[in-house]
């Protein structure tokens, strides 16, 4: 299988765009999002130091949404890891990070941390149920906000770096007629 750098870059842009869009729409401040030539990428978002359970759940959904966006962009059915595989992946990544490999910190570790904050509230059930709900919510949110994710991904593909204001402007430029009503209804929930 040939490694296609441009295809990997495109997938990375969609992955990070999903984080940026969902974080913004969930009320978090997106500081910047970038992708480098070496495919290092990140969505930098201002988060509460100790999030409330609902904030932690929203952040977990955003972290999971990156992979769902890549699946959608590649026209593949959404892939969801079993809870056991998800936890195992997070543990392997955490062990590499603890061994001094800072490149290995990833979404699974951070997602598991957020789920561990959300689950004990009792709102989302057990940790495993919380993970399942977060996967379902992330998949749904990617579908609902697909136009905005595409707009941010395309802008990121071209510019390689977007500051928070550019992310917001790109999201809002993707809104069609009636989209503002959907946003206001989401904020009321």
Foldseek 3Di string as FASTA:
>chain_A
DDDDLLLLLLLLLLLQLLLLVLCVLVPWFFFKWFADSVGDIHTDIDDPPQDALVSLLSNLLSLLLSQLSSCVVVVHPRDDDQPVVLVVLLVVLVVVVVVPDVSSDGSSVSSLVSLVNNAVVVPQDHSNSSSVVSNVVSNVVCVVQVQLSVQSSVVCSVPRMDGRVRSVVSSVVSDDPPVVVVSVVSVVD
